[in-house]
Amino acid sequence: MKAENNQKNLIVLVEYNIQPTKSNDAIAGLTELIENVTKEPHFVSIKLHTDLKDTSKILLYEVWSDDNYYNTAHMQTKHLQKFIEDSRVFLAGPPTISQWKIEKEFIKK
């Protein structure tokens, strides 16, 4: 995607806290979810991050081209609803979700 179009994208940060010894289960569950999410309209990308010092923390950095879609249809998808139900065995609680817009982008030349 061209840099000038990126400023219209919705950036979503999803922070998960994982139950002790359940990090591998969480990564497997999130991987399955993300594989389905990548097929959705308005999906641009997702990066799955793990905390270097605390394996009980996972961060998703998501990029979507339509905030209305993300906040409505995406939230109702069967695969997301299934993940929410299944994740209770490895998550320590609901995630923290924040939404951002790109104000400026700096790229090394």
C-alpha atoms as a PDB file:
ATOM      1  CA  MET A   1       0.000   0.000   0.000  1.00  0.00           C
ATOM      2  CA  LYS A   2       1.322   3.458  -0.821  1.00  0.00           C
ATOM      3  CA  ALA A   3       2.493   5.582   2.090  1.00  0.00           C
ATOM      4  CA  GLU A   4      -0.051   8.348   1.429  1.00  0.00           C
ATOM      5  CA  ASN A   5      -2.924   5.840   1.779  1.00  0.00           C
ATOM      6  CA  ASN A   6      -1.621   4.472   5.081  1.00  0.00           C
ATOM      7  CA  GLN A   7      -2.848   7.512   7.014  1.00  0.00           C
ATOM      8  CA  LYS A   8      -6.443   6.440   6.428  1.00  0.00           C
ATOM      9  CA  ASN A   9      -5.862   3.030   7.991  1.00  0.00           C
ATOM     10  CA  LEU A  10      -7.109   2.045  11.420  1.00  0.00           C
ATOM     11  CA  ILE A  11      -4.374   0.757  13.735  1.00  0.00           C
ATOM     12  CA  VAL A  12      -5.581  -1.601  16.470  1.00  0.00           C
ATOM     13  CA  LEU A  13      -3.436  -2.697  19.405  1.00  0.00           C
ATOM     14  CA  VAL A  14      -4.712  -5.761  21.251  1.00  0.00           C
ATOM     15  CA  GLU A  15      -2.904  -6.666  24.472  1.00  0.00           C
ATOM     16  CA  TYR A  16      -3.426 -10.127  25.950  1.00  0.00           C
ATOM     17  CA  ASN A  17      -2.412 -11.459  29.364  1.00  0.00           C
ATOM     18  CA  ILE A  18      -1.905 -15.205  29.306  1.00  0.00           C
ATOM     19  CA  GLN A  19      -2.432 -17.669  32.139  1.00  0.00           C
ATOM     20  CA  PRO A  20       0.801 -19.178  33.548  1.00  0.00           C
ATOM     21  CA  THR A  21       2.260 -21.945  31.353  1.00  0.00           C
ATOM     22  CA  LYS A  22      -0.357 -21.303  28.627  1.00  0.00           C
ATOM     23  CA  SER A  23       1.733 -19.162  26.224  1.00  0.00           C
ATOM     24  CA  ASN A  24       2.043 -21.910  23.593  1.00  0.00           C
ATOM     25  CA  ASP A  25      -1.729 -22.505  23.688  1.00  0.00           C
ATOM     26  CA  ALA A  26      -2.353 -18.779  23.311  1.00  0.00           C
ATOM     27  CA  ILE A  27      -0.022 -18.454  20.326  1.00  0.00           C
ATOM     28  CA  ALA A  28      -1.617 -21.491  18.670  1.00  0.00           C
ATOM     29  CA  GLY A  29      -5.122 -20.125  19.257  1.00  0.00           C
ATOM     30  CA  LEU A  30      -4.198 -16.673  17.987  1.00  0.00           C
ATOM     31  CA  THR A  31      -2.469 -18.133  14.934  1.00  0.00           C
ATOM     32  CA  GLU A  32      -5.626 -20.052  14.025  1.00  0.00           C
ATOM     33  CA  LEU A  33      -7.723 -16.919  14.525  1.00  0.00           C
ATOM     34  CA  ILE A  34      -5.386 -14.735  12.449  1.00  0.00           C
ATOM     35  CA  GLU A  35      -5.363 -17.243   9.584  1.00  0.00           C
ATOM     36  CA  ASN A  36      -9.135 -16.707   9.343  1.00  0.00           C
ATOM     37  CA  VAL A  37      -8.956 -12.944   9.873  1.00  0.00           C
ATOM     38  CA  THR A  38      -6.577 -12.556   6.918  1.00  0.00           C
ATOM     39  CA  LYS A  39      -9.451 -13.616   4.620  1.00  0.00           C
ATOM     40  CA  GLU A  40     -11.726 -10.792   5.777  1.00  0.00           C
ATOM     41  CA  PRO A  41     -12.434  -7.696   3.707  1.00  0.00           C
ATOM     42  CA  HIS A  42     -10.586  -4.555   4.848  1.00  0.00           C
ATOM     43  CA  PHE A  43      -7.861  -6.603   6.547  1.00  0.00           C
ATOM     44  CA  VAL A  44      -4.391  -5.186   5.787  1.00  0.00           C
ATOM     45  CA  SER A  45      -1.980  -6.879   8.224  1.00  0.00           C
ATOM     46  CA  ILE A  46      -1.425  -8.268  11.707  1.00  0.00           C
ATOM     47  CA  LYS A  47       1.844  -8.641  13.598  1.00  0.00           C
ATOM     48  CA  LEU A  48       1.889 -10.915  16.634  1.00  0.00           C
ATOM     49  CA  HIS A  49       4.423  -9.806  19.255  1.00  0.00           C
ATOM     50  CA  THR A  50       5.544 -11.496  22.477  1.00  0.00           C
ATOM     51  CA  ASP A  51       7.072  -9.574  25.372  1.00  0.00           C
ATOM     52  CA  LEU A  52      10.830 -10.170  25.621  1.00  0.00           C
ATOM     53  CA  LYS A  53      10.775 -10.208  29.428  1.00  0.00           C
ATOM     54  CA  ASP A  54       7.337 -11.660  30.160  1.00  0.00           C
ATOM     55  CA  THR A  55       5.989 -14.544  28.062  1.00  0.00           C
ATOM     56  CA  SER A  56       2.550 -14.050  29.584  1.00  0.00           C
ATOM     57  CA  LYS A  57       2.067 -10.918  27.446  1.00  0.00           C
ATOM     58  CA  ILE A  58       1.139 -10.881  23.768  1.00  0.00           C
ATOM     59  CA  LEU A  59       0.485  -7.850  21.589  1.00  0.00           C
ATOM     60  CA  LEU A  60      -1.262  -7.801  18.230  1.00  0.00           C
ATOM     61  CA  TYR A  61      -0.581  -4.848  15.935  1.00  0.00           C
ATOM     62  CA  GLU A  62      -3.425  -4.836  13.447  1.00  0.00           C
ATOM     63  CA  VAL A  63      -3.994  -2.658  10.392  1.00  0.00           C
ATOM     64  CA  TRP A  64      -7.439  -2.312   8.817  1.00  0.00           C
ATOM     65  CA  SER A  65      -8.568  -0.179   5.893  1.00  0.00           C
ATOM     66  CA  ASP A  66     -12.055   0.466   7.307  1.00  0.00           C
ATOM     67  CA  ASP A  67     -12.753   1.278  10.957  1.00  0.00           C
ATOM     68  CA  ASN A  68     -16.511   0.806  10.572  1.00  0.00           C
ATOM     69  CA  TYR A  69     -16.012  -2.737   9.269  1.00  0.00           C
ATOM     70  CA  TYR A  70     -13.601  -3.554  12.108  1.00  0.00           C
ATOM     71  CA  ASN A  71     -15.962  -2.265  14.786  1.00  0.00           C
ATOM     72  CA  THR A  72     -19.060  -3.979  13.395  1.00  0.00           C
ATOM     73  CA  ALA A  73     -18.819  -6.931  11.006  1.00  0.00           C
ATOM     74  CA  HIS A  74     -15.353  -8.118  12.131  1.00  0.00           C
ATOM     75  CA  MET A  75     -16.461  -8.262  15.751  1.00  0.00           C
ATOM     76  CA  GLN A  76     -19.391 -10.507  14.788  1.00  0.00           C
ATOM     77  CA  THR A  77     -17.451 -13.041  12.680  1.00  0.00           C
ATOM     78  CA  LYS A  78     -17.833 -16.683  13.668  1.00  0.00           C
ATOM     79  CA  HIS A  79     -14.075 -17.190  13.954  1.00  0.00           C
ATOM     80  CA  LEU A  80     -13.665 -14.261  16.361  1.00  0.00           C
ATOM     81  CA  GLN A  81     -16.647 -15.330  18.463  1.00  0.00           C
ATOM     82  CA  LYS A  82     -15.244 -18.884  18.589  1.00  0.00           C
ATOM     83  CA  PHE A  83     -11.824 -17.554  19.661  1.00  0.00           C
ATOM     84  CA  ILE A  84     -13.403 -15.479  22.431  1.00  0.00           C
ATOM     85  CA  GLU A  85     -15.128 -18.589  23.766  1.00  0.00           C
ATOM     86  CA  ASP A  86     -12.143 -20.946  23.339  1.00  0.00           C
ATOM     87  CA  SER A  87      -9.577 -18.485  24.716  1.00  0.00           C
ATOM     88  CA  ARG A  88     -10.985 -18.643  28.230  1.00  0.00           C
ATOM     89  CA  VAL A  89      -8.773 -21.685  28.867  1.00  0.00           C
ATOM     90  CA  PHE A  90      -5.550 -19.742  28.209  1.00  0.00           C
ATOM     91  CA  LEU A  91      -6.258 -16.017  28.642  1.00  0.00           C
ATOM     92  CA  ALA A  92      -6.098 -14.412  32.085  1.00  0.00           C
ATOM     93  CA  GLY A  93      -8.983 -12.101  31.165  1.00  0.00           C
ATOM     94  CA  PRO A  94     -10.323 -10.006  28.326  1.00  0.00           C
ATOM     95  CA  PRO A  95      -7.767  -8.165  26.181  1.00  0.00           C
ATOM     96  CA  THR A  96      -7.108  -4.448  26.239  1.00  0.00           C
ATOM     97  CA  ILE A  97      -7.967  -3.010  22.819  1.00  0.00           C
ATOM     98  CA  SER A  98      -7.062   0.470  21.626  1.00  0.00           C
ATOM     99  CA  GLN A  99      -7.614   2.078  18.225  1.00  0.00           C
ATOM    100  CA  TRP A 100      -5.286   4.571  16.577  1.00  0.00           C
ATOM    101  CA  LYS A 101      -4.911   6.612  13.425  1.00  0.00           C
ATOM    102  CA  ILE A 102      -1.632   7.461  11.750  1.00  0.00           C
ATOM    103  CA  GLU A 103      -0.830  11.127  12.214  1.00  0.00           C
ATOM    104  CA  LYS A 104       2.580  11.063  10.490  1.00  0.00           C
ATOM    105  CA  GLU A 105       4.726   8.312   9.064  1.00  0.00           C
ATOM    106  CA  PHE A 106       8.510   8.389   8.940  1.00  0.00           C
ATOM    107  CA  ILE A 107      10.315   5.949   6.658  1.00  0.00           C
ATOM    108  CA  LYS A 108      14.061   5.575   6.314  1.00  0.00           C
ATOM    109  CA  LYS A 109      15.189   6.642   2.873  1.00  0.00           C
END
